[in-house]
Protein backbone atom coordinates (compact mmCIF):
# COMPACT_ATOMS: atom_id res chain seq x y z
CA MET A 1 112.87 6.38 94.46
CA SER A 2 109.39 7.75 94.02
CA GLU A 3 107.97 7.97 90.50
CA ASN A 4 106.78 11.51 91.30
CA ARG A 5 110.29 12.81 91.74
CA VAL A 6 111.79 14.91 89.03
CA SER A 7 115.08 13.87 87.48
CA SER A 8 115.92 17.07 85.63
CA THR A 9 118.55 19.38 87.07
CA LYS A 10 116.34 22.22 85.84
CA TRP A 11 113.77 21.25 88.49
CA PHE A 12 116.46 20.91 91.15
CA GLY A 13 117.23 24.54 90.31
CA LEU A 14 113.54 25.42 90.56
CA ALA A 15 113.40 23.78 94.00
CA LEU A 16 116.40 25.82 95.16
CA GLN A 17 114.92 29.04 93.80
CA SER A 18 111.63 28.27 95.58
CA LEU A 19 113.47 27.82 98.87
CA LEU A 20 115.28 31.13 98.44
CA VAL A 21 111.99 32.95 97.72
CA LEU A 22 110.32 31.26 100.69
CA ALA A 23 113.20 32.23 102.97
CA ASP A 24 112.47 35.89 102.17
CA PHE A 25 108.67 35.54 102.19
CA ASP A 26 106.83 36.90 105.19
CA GLY A 27 104.29 34.25 106.19
CA ILE A 28 102.81 31.43 104.16
CA ALA A 29 103.33 31.70 100.41
CA PRO A 30 100.58 30.42 98.10
CA SER A 31 101.90 28.35 95.20
CA SER A 32 100.40 30.86 92.77
CA ALA A 33 102.51 33.67 94.28
CA LEU A 34 105.63 31.50 94.10
CA ALA A 35 104.86 30.48 90.53
CA GLU A 36 104.40 34.09 89.47
CA LYS A 37 107.63 35.20 91.14
CA LEU A 38 109.59 32.29 89.60
CA GLY A 39 107.91 32.38 86.20
CA ALA A 40 106.80 28.75 86.59
CA LYS A 41 103.52 26.92 86.01
CA SER A 42 101.60 26.53 89.27
CA ALA A 43 100.63 22.89 88.71
CA PHE A 44 104.18 21.77 88.06
CA LEU A 45 105.63 23.90 90.84
CA ARG A 46 103.22 22.22 93.26
CA LYS A 47 104.74 18.83 92.25
CA VAL A 48 108.22 20.17 92.99
CA LEU A 49 107.07 21.65 96.30
CA SER A 50 105.30 18.40 97.18
CA ASN A 51 108.63 16.56 97.03
CA LEU A 52 110.16 19.16 99.33
CA VAL A 53 107.27 18.71 101.78
CA LYS A 54 107.72 14.91 101.72
CA ALA A 55 111.41 15.41 102.48
CA GLY A 56 110.58 17.61 105.49
CA ILE A 57 112.22 20.68 103.96
CA LEU A 58 108.94 22.57 103.52
CA SER A 59 105.65 22.55 105.36
CA ALA A 60 102.31 23.10 103.69
CA LYS A 61 99.05 24.53 104.99
CA GLU A 62 95.93 23.60 103.05
CA GLY A 63 92.86 25.72 102.55
CA ARG A 64 91.94 29.20 101.44
CA ASP A 65 94.82 30.81 103.34
CA GLY A 66 97.16 27.92 102.58
CA GLY A 67 100.55 27.76 101.04
CA TYR A 68 104.12 26.78 101.76
CA PHE A 69 106.76 27.79 104.27
CA LEU A 70 110.19 26.53 105.30
CA ALA A 71 110.07 23.67 107.79
CA LYS A 72 113.63 24.44 108.93
CA ASN A 73 116.00 27.32 109.29
CA PRO A 74 117.80 27.95 105.95
CA ASP A 75 121.14 27.16 107.66
CA GLU A 76 119.81 23.68 108.45
CA ILE A 77 118.82 22.84 104.86
CA ALA A 78 121.80 21.23 103.14
CA LEU A 79 121.65 21.48 99.36
CA VAL A 80 122.22 17.72 99.19
CA GLU A 81 118.83 17.29 100.95
CA VAL A 82 117.15 19.26 98.17
CA TYR A 83 119.03 17.27 95.53
CA GLU A 84 118.00 13.97 97.11
CA ALA A 85 114.37 15.11 97.39
CA MET A 86 114.23 15.97 93.70
CA ARG A 87 116.15 13.23 91.93
CA THR A 88 115.26 9.81 90.63
CA ASP A 89 118.51 9.12 88.82
CA PRO A 90 122.08 10.18 89.46
CA TYR A 91 122.86 13.58 87.94
CA ALA A 92 125.47 12.02 85.65
CA LYS A 93 123.22 9.19 84.42
CA GLY A 94 123.09 9.31 80.66
CA PHE A 95 126.16 11.53 80.53
CA LEU A 96 128.43 8.75 79.30
CA ASP A 97 125.88 6.24 78.03
CA VAL A 98 127.10 4.18 75.11
CA ASN A 99 124.38 3.18 72.66
CA LYS A 100 126.25 0.22 71.19
CA GLU A 101 128.08 -2.26 73.39
CA GLU A 102 130.53 -2.92 70.56
CA CYS A 103 131.69 0.73 70.65
CA PHE A 104 134.13 0.23 73.54
CA ALA A 105 135.98 -2.70 75.03
CA PRO A 106 134.45 -4.03 78.27
CA GLY A 107 137.28 -2.48 80.31
CA THR A 108 136.58 0.94 78.81
CA GLN A 109 132.85 0.60 79.51
CA THR A 110 133.66 -0.28 83.11
CA ALA A 111 135.96 2.73 83.38
CA LEU A 112 133.18 5.00 82.08
CA LEU A 113 130.70 3.56 84.58
CA HIS A 114 133.17 4.18 87.41
CA LEU A 115 133.61 7.77 86.21
CA VAL A 116 129.84 8.33 86.36
CA GLU A 117 129.76 6.96 89.92
CA GLU A 118 132.70 9.17 90.87
CA MET A 119 131.01 12.25 89.36
CA GLU A 120 127.91 11.57 91.44
CA SER A 121 129.98 11.33 94.62
CA TRP A 122 131.64 14.69 93.79
CA ILE A 123 128.23 16.29 93.38
CA LEU A 124 126.89 14.83 96.62
CA ARG A 125 129.99 15.85 98.56
CA GLY A 126 129.88 19.41 97.21
CA LEU A 127 126.16 19.83 97.88
CA SER A 128 126.54 18.50 101.42
CA GLU A 129 128.95 21.36 102.18
CA LYS A 130 126.48 24.17 101.38
CA THR A 131 123.13 25.17 102.82
CA VAL A 132 120.27 27.35 101.65
CA GLY A 133 121.49 29.84 104.25
CA ASP A 134 124.88 29.97 102.49
CA LEU A 135 123.13 30.86 99.22
CA LEU A 136 121.20 33.62 100.96
CA ARG A 137 124.43 35.11 102.32
CA ASP A 138 126.25 34.76 98.98
CA ARG A 139 123.79 36.82 96.94
């Protein structure tokens, strides 16, 4: 995964919110307008948006009249695509980390690792079943 990707679920949420705002925006939205609407810092939001551009979810136009716009119809943007564009580590990584190896027997540690992997598969499966368009209809 790219070092520029954000691992925090907070930024996954920011990416989703950006997509919802862009879906309602008429034309090309400058990052400053998005940042103001979302209450985010422009410089950091541009990093988030950059990952969405790299993933083909957004398009960007540079220059004085530049900004961002959806590269696809909202019904074609699966939430799992956004998740994958934003993450470096599985969502559940760190959730069940054990600081001392002596804390649990090896079998218990293995069981915890399998649970983390299973949690990640639940998340991916759930996100693959919803689109940005679904979120727009659900509001």
